[in-house]
Amino acid sequence: ESELSDEKKSHSGIPEAQFVEDVDAFMAQPDNNNEVDKVLKKLDENHGKYKFMEYNLANKRRRLKSQIPELERSLEMIKKLQAEKDGSQNMETQFLLSDQVFAKAIVPPTEKVCLWLGANVMLEYTLDDAQNLMVKNIEAAKKNLNHVDHDLDFVRDQFTTTEVNMARVYNWDVKRRQTTKTS
């Protein structure tokens, strides 16, 4: 497939809204039967679905935007531990207990670190394995963020197309009624 068609697709399977070029032909389709209320209701439902998708994507984007700096801070700390692992001195640091609450800690040179993986799971890793995992997680989060940004743009285009279609069908109906009144 061409690059152009790939740009128009979403990464998460969001259906594309078809622009209604010829309203007369669209309204005459067997599914529509020139029933304006039915068509507008269907378009409104699709519009609502696109808005819901946008809301979910915006939340996912917000989560990823906050997750990436956390992962980068973890990677920074792992690198610091690697730099200090061969030394003989303890490292004094502060770590986050909860929002804006830090505790002072003395960390002896170490070869291992424990990482929270989520869902109340923590695993012990060697510093090298932990660094590799963090790098992979950061890359995956950035890739996901790019996909979400693309999908957000795509879904916004879809609900704009749906809004234009709704206006075109409504205007078609107004024009049709005016024509019937004058006949």
N, C-alpha and C. Protein backbone atom coordinates (compact mmCIF):
# COMPACT_ATOMS: atom_id res chain seq x y z
N GLU A 1 0.83 -1.19 0.00
CA GLU A 1 0.00 0.00 0.00
C GLU A 1 0.87 1.25 0.00
N SER A 2 0.31 2.32 -0.46
CA SER A 2 1.08 3.56 -0.55
C SER A 2 1.18 4.21 0.82
N GLU A 3 2.13 5.11 0.94
CA GLU A 3 2.31 5.83 2.20
C GLU A 3 1.12 6.70 2.51
N LEU A 4 0.51 7.25 1.46
CA LEU A 4 -0.63 8.14 1.64
C LEU A 4 -1.78 7.41 2.33
N SER A 5 -2.06 6.17 1.91
CA SER A 5 -3.17 5.44 2.53
C SER A 5 -2.84 5.06 3.97
N ASP A 6 -1.56 4.81 4.26
CA ASP A 6 -1.17 4.50 5.64
C ASP A 6 -1.40 5.68 6.56
N GLU A 7 -1.17 6.91 6.03
CA GLU A 7 -1.36 8.11 6.84
C GLU A 7 -2.81 8.30 7.22
N LYS A 8 -3.73 7.83 6.38
CA LYS A 8 -5.14 8.03 6.63
C LYS A 8 -5.71 7.00 7.61
N LYS A 9 -4.96 5.95 7.88
CA LYS A 9 -5.47 4.88 8.75
C LYS A 9 -5.12 5.17 10.20
N SER A 10 -5.91 4.57 11.08
CA SER A 10 -5.59 4.70 12.50
C SER A 10 -4.82 3.46 12.93
N HIS A 11 -4.08 3.57 14.02
CA HIS A 11 -3.32 2.44 14.54
C HIS A 11 -4.21 1.51 15.37
N SER A 12 -5.30 2.03 15.87
CA SER A 12 -6.13 1.20 16.76
C SER A 12 -7.46 0.81 16.13
N GLY A 13 -7.53 0.82 14.81
CA GLY A 13 -8.71 0.31 14.12
C GLY A 13 -9.93 1.22 14.15
N ILE A 14 -9.73 2.51 14.27
CA ILE A 14 -10.86 3.45 14.27
C ILE A 14 -11.44 3.50 12.85
N PRO A 15 -12.75 3.28 12.72
CA PRO A 15 -13.33 3.29 11.37
C PRO A 15 -13.34 4.70 10.77
N GLU A 16 -13.14 4.76 9.46
CA GLU A 16 -13.08 6.04 8.77
C GLU A 16 -14.49 6.50 8.41
N ALA A 17 -14.78 7.76 8.68
CA ALA A 17 -16.07 8.33 8.30
C ALA A 17 -16.00 8.72 6.83
N GLN A 18 -16.97 8.26 6.04
CA GLN A 18 -17.00 8.57 4.62
C GLN A 18 -17.69 9.91 4.41
N PHE A 19 -17.04 10.79 3.67
CA PHE A 19 -17.63 12.10 3.38
C PHE A 19 -18.78 11.90 2.39
N VAL A 20 -19.90 12.53 2.67
CA VAL A 20 -21.07 12.44 1.79
C VAL A 20 -20.94 13.52 0.72
N GLU A 21 -20.49 13.10 -0.46
CA GLU A 21 -20.30 14.02 -1.58
C GLU A 21 -21.64 14.39 -2.21
N ASP A 22 -22.42 13.36 -2.54
CA ASP A 22 -23.70 13.54 -3.21
C ASP A 22 -24.81 13.19 -2.23
N VAL A 23 -25.40 14.20 -1.62
CA VAL A 23 -26.41 13.97 -0.57
C VAL A 23 -27.65 13.30 -1.16
N ASP A 24 -28.06 13.68 -2.37
CA ASP A 24 -29.23 13.06 -2.99
C ASP A 24 -29.04 11.55 -3.13
N ALA A 25 -27.90 11.14 -3.66
CA ALA A 25 -27.61 9.71 -3.83
C ALA A 25 -27.51 9.01 -2.48
N PHE A 26 -26.88 9.68 -1.51
CA PHE A 26 -26.73 9.11 -0.16
C PHE A 26 -28.09 8.88 0.49
N MET A 27 -28.96 9.86 0.39
CA MET A 27 -30.28 9.75 1.03
C MET A 27 -31.17 8.74 0.31
N ALA A 28 -30.91 8.49 -0.98
CA ALA A 28 -31.72 7.56 -1.75
C ALA A 28 -31.29 6.10 -1.54
N GLN A 29 -30.16 5.88 -0.87
CA GLN A 29 -29.71 4.50 -0.62
C GLN A 29 -30.79 3.75 0.16
N PRO A 30 -30.93 2.43 -0.09
CA PRO A 30 -31.98 1.64 0.58
C PRO A 30 -31.92 1.75 2.11
N ASP A 31 -30.72 1.81 2.68
CA ASP A 31 -30.59 1.92 4.15
C ASP A 31 -31.18 3.23 4.67
N ASN A 32 -31.16 4.27 3.84
CA ASN A 32 -31.56 5.60 4.30
C ASN A 32 -33.00 5.94 3.92
N ASN A 33 -33.46 5.50 2.74
CA ASN A 33 -34.85 5.70 2.32
C ASN A 33 -35.34 7.15 2.45
N ASN A 34 -34.46 8.10 2.29
CA ASN A 34 -34.81 9.52 2.43
C ASN A 34 -35.37 9.86 3.81
N GLU A 35 -35.06 9.05 4.82
CA GLU A 35 -35.54 9.30 6.19
C GLU A 35 -34.49 10.13 6.93
N VAL A 36 -34.69 11.43 6.93
CA VAL A 36 -33.72 12.37 7.49
C VAL A 36 -33.46 12.12 8.97
N ASP A 37 -34.54 11.92 9.74
CA ASP A 37 -34.36 11.72 11.19
C ASP A 37 -33.52 10.48 11.49
N LYS A 38 -33.79 9.41 10.74
CA LYS A 38 -33.04 8.16 10.93
C LYS A 38 -31.56 8.37 10.59
N VAL A 39 -31.30 9.04 9.47
CA VAL A 39 -29.92 9.28 9.02
C VAL A 39 -29.19 10.19 10.01
N LEU A 40 -29.85 11.27 10.43
CA LEU A 40 -29.22 12.18 11.39
C LEU A 40 -28.95 11.48 12.71
N LYS A 41 -29.86 10.62 13.12
CA LYS A 41 -29.67 9.87 14.38
C LYS A 41 -28.44 8.96 14.27
N LYS A 42 -28.32 8.28 13.13
CA LYS A 42 -27.17 7.38 12.91
C LYS A 42 -25.87 8.18 12.89
N LEU A 43 -25.88 9.32 12.19
CA LEU A 43 -24.68 10.16 12.15
C LEU A 43 -24.33 10.70 13.54
N ASP A 44 -25.35 11.07 14.31
CA ASP A 44 -25.14 11.57 15.67
C ASP A 44 -24.55 10.48 16.57
N GLU A 45 -25.02 9.25 16.40
CA GLU A 45 -24.45 8.13 17.18
C GLU A 45 -22.98 7.94 16.83
N ASN A 46 -22.66 7.98 15.53
CA ASN A 46 -21.26 7.86 15.12
C ASN A 46 -20.42 9.00 15.67
N HIS A 47 -20.98 10.20 15.66
CA HIS A 47 -20.28 11.37 16.21
C HIS A 47 -19.98 11.14 17.68
N GLY A 48 -20.95 10.64 18.42
CA GLY A 48 -20.75 10.34 19.84
C GLY A 48 -19.67 9.29 20.06
N LYS A 49 -19.65 8.29 19.20
CA LYS A 49 -18.62 7.25 19.31
C LYS A 49 -17.23 7.83 19.07
N TYR A 50 -17.12 8.71 18.06
CA TYR A 50 -15.82 9.34 17.80
C TYR A 50 -15.39 10.22 18.97
N LYS A 51 -16.34 10.93 19.57
CA LYS A 51 -16.02 11.76 20.74
C LYS A 51 -15.52 10.90 21.90
N PHE A 52 -16.17 9.74 22.09
CA PHE A 52 -15.77 8.82 23.15
C PHE A 52 -14.35 8.28 22.89
N MET A 53 -14.08 7.94 21.63
CA MET A 53 -12.74 7.47 21.26
C MET A 53 -11.71 8.56 21.52
N GLU A 54 -12.06 9.81 21.21
CA GLU A 54 -11.14 10.92 21.44
C GLU A 54 -10.85 11.06 22.94
N TYR A 55 -11.89 10.94 23.75
CA TYR A 55 -11.73 11.05 25.20
C TYR A 55 -10.77 9.97 25.72
N ASN A 56 -10.98 8.73 25.26
CA ASN A 56 -10.11 7.63 25.70
C ASN A 56 -8.67 7.81 25.23
N LEU A 57 -8.51 8.25 24.00
CA LEU A 57 -7.16 8.48 23.48
C LEU A 57 -6.46 9.63 24.21
N ALA A 58 -7.21 10.66 24.54
CA ALA A 58 -6.63 11.80 25.28
C ALA A 58 -6.17 11.34 26.67
N ASN A 59 -6.96 10.47 27.31
CA ASN A 59 -6.54 9.93 28.62
C ASN A 59 -5.28 9.07 28.48
N LYS A 60 -5.25 8.24 27.45
CA LYS A 60 -4.08 7.39 27.22
C LYS A 60 -2.85 8.25 26.96
N ARG A 61 -3.03 9.33 26.20
CA ARG A 61 -1.93 10.26 25.90
C ARG A 61 -1.41 10.90 27.19
N ARG A 62 -2.33 11.32 28.04
CA ARG A 62 -1.95 11.95 29.31
C ARG A 62 -1.15 10.97 30.18
N ARG A 63 -1.60 9.71 30.23
CA ARG A 63 -0.88 8.69 31.02
C ARG A 63 0.53 8.47 30.47
N LEU A 64 0.64 8.35 29.16
CA LEU A 64 1.95 8.12 28.55
C LEU A 64 2.87 9.32 28.77
N LYS A 65 2.31 10.54 28.67
CA LYS A 65 3.13 11.74 28.86
C LYS A 65 3.68 11.83 30.28
N SER A 66 2.97 11.27 31.25
CA SER A 66 3.50 11.28 32.62
C SER A 66 4.38 10.06 32.88
N GLN A 67 4.12 8.97 32.17
CA GLN A 67 4.89 7.74 32.37
C GLN A 67 6.32 7.86 31.82
N ILE A 68 6.48 8.52 30.70
CA ILE A 68 7.80 8.61 30.07
C ILE A 68 8.82 9.30 30.97
N PRO A 69 8.51 10.46 31.58
CA PRO A 69 9.50 11.07 32.49
C PRO A 69 9.82 10.17 33.70
N GLU A 70 8.83 9.43 34.20
CA GLU A 70 9.08 8.51 35.32
C GLU A 70 10.07 7.43 34.90
N LEU A 71 9.85 6.86 33.73
CA LEU A 71 10.76 5.82 33.22
C LEU A 71 12.16 6.39 33.03
N GLU A 72 12.24 7.61 32.51
CA GLU A 72 13.54 8.24 32.29
C GLU A 72 14.26 8.51 33.60
N ARG A 73 13.51 8.90 34.64
CA ARG A 73 14.12 9.11 35.97
C ARG A 73 14.64 7.78 36.53
N SER A 74 13.88 6.71 36.32
CA SER A 74 14.32 5.38 36.78
C SER A 74 15.60 4.96 36.06
N LEU A 75 15.65 5.21 34.76
CA LEU A 75 16.85 4.88 33.99
C LEU A 75 18.05 5.69 34.48
N GLU A 76 17.80 6.95 34.78
CA GLU A 76 18.87 7.82 35.31
C GLU A 76 19.42 7.25 36.62
N MET A 77 18.52 6.80 37.49
CA MET A 77 18.95 6.25 38.78
C MET A 77 19.73 4.94 38.59
N ILE A 78 19.29 4.13 37.66
CA ILE A 78 20.00 2.87 37.38
C ILE A 78 21.42 3.17 36.90
N LYS A 79 21.54 4.18 36.03
CA LYS A 79 22.87 4.57 35.54
C LYS A 79 23.75 5.08 36.68
N LYS A 80 23.13 5.81 37.60
CA LYS A 80 23.87 6.32 38.76
C LYS A 80 24.36 5.15 39.62
N LEU A 81 23.48 4.16 39.84
CA LEU A 81 23.87 2.97 40.61
C LEU A 81 24.98 2.20 39.91
N GLN A 82 24.94 2.14 38.58
CA GLN A 82 26.00 1.44 37.84
C GLN A 82 27.34 2.16 38.01
N ALA A 83 27.29 3.49 37.99
CA ALA A 83 28.53 4.26 38.14
C ALA A 83 29.13 4.08 39.52
N GLU A 84 28.28 3.85 40.52
CA GLU A 84 28.74 3.74 41.90
C GLU A 84 28.97 2.30 42.35
N LYS A 85 28.62 1.30 41.54
CA LYS A 85 28.64 -0.10 42.01
C LYS A 85 30.03 -0.62 42.35
N ASP A 86 31.07 -0.10 41.68
CA ASP A 86 32.42 -0.58 41.96
C ASP A 86 33.11 0.22 43.06
N GLY A 87 32.48 1.28 43.51
CA GLY A 87 33.07 2.11 44.55
C GLY A 87 32.92 1.46 45.91
N SER A 88 33.57 2.04 46.89
CA SER A 88 33.50 1.47 48.24
C SER A 88 32.65 2.35 49.16
N GLN A 89 32.22 3.48 48.65
CA GLN A 89 31.45 4.39 49.49
C GLN A 89 29.95 4.22 49.28
N ASN A 90 29.24 4.44 50.36
CA ASN A 90 27.78 4.44 50.26
C ASN A 90 27.32 5.71 49.56
N MET A 91 26.19 5.60 48.90
CA MET A 91 25.64 6.76 48.21
C MET A 91 24.46 7.28 49.03
N GLU A 92 24.47 8.58 49.29
CA GLU A 92 23.35 9.18 50.02
C GLU A 92 22.39 9.77 49.00
N THR A 93 21.12 9.45 49.17
CA THR A 93 20.12 9.93 48.22
C THR A 93 18.78 10.13 48.91
N GLN A 94 17.83 10.64 48.17
CA GLN A 94 16.45 10.77 48.65
C GLN A 94 15.56 10.04 47.68
N PHE A 95 14.53 9.39 48.18
CA PHE A 95 13.59 8.73 47.28
C PHE A 95 12.17 9.09 47.67
N LEU A 96 11.31 9.02 46.69
CA LEU A 96 9.92 9.43 46.83
C LEU A 96 9.12 8.35 47.55
N LEU A 97 8.50 8.73 48.67
CA LEU A 97 7.62 7.81 49.39
C LEU A 97 6.20 7.93 48.87
N SER A 98 5.74 9.14 48.77
CA SER A 98 4.43 9.43 48.19
C SER A 98 4.50 10.86 47.66
N ASP A 99 3.38 11.36 47.15
CA ASP A 99 3.40 12.70 46.56
C ASP A 99 4.09 13.71 47.47
N GLN A 100 5.20 14.25 47.01
CA GLN A 100 5.96 15.30 47.68
C GLN A 100 6.51 14.91 49.05
N VAL A 101 6.59 13.60 49.33
CA VAL A 101 7.19 13.13 50.58
C VAL A 101 8.41 12.29 50.22
N PHE A 102 9.59 12.78 50.63
CA PHE A 102 10.84 12.09 50.32
C PHE A 102 11.47 11.57 51.61
N ALA A 103 12.24 10.50 51.47
CA ALA A 103 12.99 9.95 52.60
C ALA A 103 14.46 9.90 52.22
N LYS A 104 15.32 10.15 53.20
CA LYS A 104 16.75 10.08 52.96
C LYS A 104 17.17 8.61 53.07
N ALA A 105 18.08 8.20 52.20
CA ALA A 105 18.53 6.81 52.22
C ALA A 105 20.03 6.74 51.97
N ILE A 106 20.64 5.75 52.59
CA ILE A 106 22.04 5.45 52.35
C ILE A 106 22.05 4.13 51.57
N VAL A 107 22.59 4.18 50.34
CA VAL A 107 22.58 2.99 49.48
C VAL A 107 24.01 2.50 49.31
N PRO A 108 24.27 1.27 49.77
CA PRO A 108 25.61 0.71 49.57
C PRO A 108 25.79 0.32 48.10
N PRO A 109 27.02 0.19 47.64
CA PRO A 109 27.23 -0.24 46.25
C PRO A 109 26.49 -1.56 46.01
N THR A 110 25.82 -1.65 44.87
CA THR A 110 25.00 -2.84 44.61
C THR A 110 25.08 -3.24 43.15
N GLU A 111 24.77 -4.49 42.89
CA GLU A 111 24.74 -5.02 41.52
C GLU A 111 23.30 -5.26 41.07
N LYS A 112 22.36 -5.11 42.03
CA LYS A 112 20.96 -5.43 41.72
C LYS A 112 20.04 -4.27 42.12
N VAL A 113 18.87 -4.27 41.49
CA VAL A 113 17.87 -3.26 41.78
C VAL A 113 16.50 -3.91 41.63
N CYS A 114 15.53 -3.43 42.40
CA CYS A 114 14.15 -3.92 42.28
C CYS A 114 13.33 -2.88 41.53
N LEU A 115 12.50 -3.36 40.59
CA LEU A 115 11.67 -2.46 39.79
C LEU A 115 10.21 -2.84 39.94
N TRP A 116 9.36 -1.80 40.11
CA TRP A 116 7.92 -2.02 40.09
C TRP A 116 7.51 -2.24 38.65
N LEU A 117 6.80 -3.33 38.39
CA LEU A 117 6.34 -3.62 37.03
C LEU A 117 4.87 -3.27 36.84
N GLY A 118 4.21 -2.94 37.92
CA GLY A 118 2.77 -2.66 37.87
C GLY A 118 2.00 -3.82 38.46
N ALA A 119 0.72 -3.59 38.71
CA ALA A 119 -0.17 -4.61 39.28
C ALA A 119 0.42 -5.21 40.56
N ASN A 120 1.04 -4.35 41.38
CA ASN A 120 1.65 -4.76 42.64
C ASN A 120 2.72 -5.84 42.48
N VAL A 121 3.46 -5.77 41.39
CA VAL A 121 4.53 -6.74 41.12
C VAL A 121 5.86 -6.01 41.10
N MET A 122 6.82 -6.54 41.86
CA MET A 122 8.17 -5.99 41.87
C MET A 122 9.12 -7.14 41.61
N LEU A 123 10.12 -6.92 40.75
CA LEU A 123 11.11 -7.95 40.46
C LEU A 123 12.51 -7.39 40.64
N GLU A 124 13.41 -8.27 41.03
CA GLU A 124 14.81 -7.89 41.18
C GLU A 124 15.54 -8.15 39.87
N TYR A 125 16.34 -7.19 39.44
CA TYR A 125 17.11 -7.28 38.20
C TYR A 125 18.56 -6.93 38.50
N THR A 126 19.45 -7.44 37.64
CA THR A 126 20.81 -6.91 37.67
C THR A 126 20.71 -5.50 37.10
N LEU A 127 21.71 -4.68 37.37
CA LEU A 127 21.67 -3.30 36.87
C LEU A 127 21.63 -3.26 35.34
N ASP A 128 22.38 -4.16 34.68
CA ASP A 128 22.38 -4.18 33.21
C ASP A 128 21.00 -4.58 32.67
N ASP A 129 20.41 -5.61 33.26
CA ASP A 129 19.07 -6.05 32.81
C ASP A 129 18.03 -4.96 33.06
N ALA A 130 18.15 -4.29 34.21
CA ALA A 130 17.21 -3.22 34.53
C ALA A 130 17.35 -2.08 33.53
N GLN A 131 18.59 -1.74 33.18
CA GLN A 131 18.81 -0.67 32.21
C GLN A 131 18.21 -1.06 30.86
N ASN A 132 18.45 -2.28 30.41
CA ASN A 132 17.88 -2.73 29.13
C ASN A 132 16.36 -2.67 29.16
N LEU A 133 15.77 -3.10 30.26
CA LEU A 133 14.31 -3.08 30.39
C LEU A 133 13.78 -1.64 30.34
N MET A 134 14.44 -0.74 31.06
CA MET A 134 14.00 0.66 31.07
C MET A 134 14.11 1.28 29.67
N VAL A 135 15.19 1.01 28.97
CA VAL A 135 15.38 1.56 27.63
C VAL A 135 14.26 1.04 26.71
N LYS A 136 13.97 -0.27 26.80
CA LYS A 136 12.89 -0.85 25.98
C LYS A 136 11.54 -0.24 26.32
N ASN A 137 11.29 -0.06 27.62
CA ASN A 137 10.01 0.52 28.06
C ASN A 137 9.85 1.96 27.61
N ILE A 138 10.94 2.72 27.65
CA ILE A 138 10.90 4.12 27.20
C ILE A 138 10.63 4.17 25.70
N GLU A 139 11.33 3.33 24.94
CA GLU A 139 11.11 3.29 23.48
C GLU A 139 9.66 2.90 23.16
N ALA A 140 9.14 1.90 23.86
CA ALA A 140 7.76 1.45 23.62
C ALA A 140 6.76 2.55 23.98
N ALA A 141 6.99 3.23 25.09
CA ALA A 141 6.09 4.31 25.52
C ALA A 141 6.10 5.46 24.50
N LYS A 142 7.28 5.80 23.99
CA LYS A 142 7.37 6.88 23.00
C LYS A 142 6.69 6.47 21.69
N LYS A 143 6.87 5.22 21.30
CA LYS A 143 6.21 4.72 20.08
C LYS A 143 4.70 4.75 20.27
N ASN A 144 4.22 4.29 21.43
CA ASN A 144 2.78 4.32 21.73
C ASN A 144 2.26 5.75 21.72
N LEU A 145 3.03 6.68 22.26
CA LEU A 145 2.62 8.08 22.28
C LEU A 145 2.48 8.61 20.85
N ASN A 146 3.40 8.25 19.98
CA ASN A 146 3.29 8.67 18.57
C ASN A 146 2.03 8.09 17.93
N HIS A 147 1.74 6.82 18.22
CA HIS A 147 0.52 6.18 17.68
C HIS A 147 -0.72 6.88 18.22
N VAL A 148 -0.73 7.19 19.49
CA VAL A 148 -1.90 7.84 20.10
C VAL A 148 -2.08 9.24 19.51
N ASP A 149 -0.98 9.98 19.33
CA ASP A 149 -1.07 11.31 18.70
C ASP A 149 -1.66 11.21 17.30
N HIS A 150 -1.19 10.23 16.53
CA HIS A 150 -1.70 10.01 15.18
C HIS A 150 -3.19 9.67 15.22
N ASP A 151 -3.56 8.75 16.12
CA ASP A 151 -4.97 8.35 16.23
C ASP A 151 -5.86 9.50 16.69
N LEU A 152 -5.34 10.35 17.56
CA LEU A 152 -6.11 11.53 17.99
C LEU A 152 -6.39 12.45 16.80
N ASP A 153 -5.38 12.70 16.00
CA ASP A 153 -5.58 13.52 14.79
C ASP A 153 -6.59 12.85 13.88
N PHE A 154 -6.46 11.53 13.70
CA PHE A 154 -7.35 10.79 12.82
C PHE A 154 -8.79 10.86 13.31
N VAL A 155 -9.01 10.62 14.61
CA VAL A 155 -10.38 10.60 15.13
C VAL A 155 -10.99 12.00 15.08
N ARG A 156 -10.19 13.03 15.27
CA ARG A 156 -10.71 14.41 15.16
C ARG A 156 -11.17 14.69 13.73
N ASP A 157 -10.41 14.19 12.76
CA ASP A 157 -10.83 14.33 11.36
C ASP A 157 -12.15 13.61 11.12
N GLN A 158 -12.32 12.44 11.76
CA GLN A 158 -13.53 11.65 11.54
C GLN A 158 -14.76 12.34 12.13
N PHE A 159 -14.63 12.92 13.34
CA PHE A 159 -15.84 13.57 13.85
C PHE A 159 -16.11 14.89 13.15
N THR A 160 -15.07 15.53 12.60
CA THR A 160 -15.31 16.73 11.79
C THR A 160 -16.05 16.35 10.51
N THR A 161 -15.62 15.26 9.88
CA THR A 161 -16.31 14.78 8.67
C THR A 161 -17.75 14.43 8.99
N THR A 162 -17.98 13.79 10.14
CA THR A 162 -19.34 13.41 10.54
C THR A 162 -20.19 14.66 10.78
N GLU A 163 -19.61 15.69 11.41
CA GLU A 163 -20.35 16.94 11.65
C GLU A 163 -20.73 17.61 10.33
N VAL A 164 -19.80 17.59 9.36
CA VAL A 164 -20.08 18.18 8.05
C VAL A 164 -21.19 17.39 7.36
N ASN A 165 -21.13 16.07 7.45
CA ASN A 165 -22.18 15.23 6.86
C ASN A 165 -23.54 15.53 7.48
N MET A 166 -23.57 15.71 8.79
CA MET A 166 -24.83 16.02 9.48
C MET A 166 -25.39 17.35 8.96
N ALA A 167 -24.52 18.33 8.82
CA ALA A 167 -24.97 19.64 8.33
C ALA A 167 -25.47 19.55 6.90
N ARG A 168 -24.77 18.76 6.08
CA ARG A 168 -25.18 18.61 4.68
C ARG A 168 -26.54 17.92 4.56
N VAL A 169 -26.77 16.88 5.37
CA VAL A 169 -28.05 16.17 5.34
C VAL A 169 -29.16 17.09 5.85
N TYR A 170 -28.88 17.83 6.91
CA TYR A 170 -29.88 18.76 7.46
C TYR A 170 -30.24 19.83 6.41
N ASN A 171 -29.21 20.42 5.78
CA ASN A 171 -29.45 21.44 4.76
C ASN A 171 -30.20 20.86 3.56
N TRP A 172 -29.88 19.62 3.20
CA TRP A 172 -30.58 18.94 2.11
C TRP A 172 -32.07 18.84 2.44
N ASP A 173 -32.36 18.50 3.70
CA ASP A 173 -33.76 18.35 4.12
C ASP A 173 -34.48 19.70 4.10
N VAL A 174 -33.83 20.75 4.57
CA VAL A 174 -34.42 22.09 4.57
C VAL A 174 -34.74 22.50 3.13
N LYS A 175 -33.79 22.30 2.24
CA LYS A 175 -33.97 22.65 0.84
C LYS A 175 -35.12 21.85 0.23
N ARG A 176 -35.18 20.54 0.55
CA ARG A 176 -36.23 19.67 0.02
C ARG A 176 -37.61 20.13 0.50
N ARG A 177 -37.70 20.51 1.77
CA ARG A 177 -38.98 20.98 2.32
C ARG A 177 -39.42 22.29 1.67
N GLN A 178 -38.45 23.18 1.44
CA GLN A 178 -38.78 24.45 0.78
C GLN A 178 -39.28 24.20 -0.64
N THR A 179 -38.67 23.26 -1.32
CA THR A 179 -39.08 22.92 -2.69
C THR A 179 -40.48 22.31 -2.69
N THR A 180 -40.78 21.47 -1.70
CA THR A 180 -42.12 20.85 -1.63
C THR A 180 -43.19 21.89 -1.30
N LYS A 181 -42.85 22.87 -0.48
CA LYS A 181 -43.81 23.90 -0.11
C LYS A 181 -44.16 24.78 -1.32
N THR A 182 -43.15 25.08 -2.14
CA THR A 182 -43.38 25.97 -3.29
C THR A 182 -44.04 25.25 -4.45
N SER A 183 -44.04 23.91 -4.44
CA SER A 183 -44.67 23.16 -5.55
C SER A 183 -46.15 23.10 -5.43
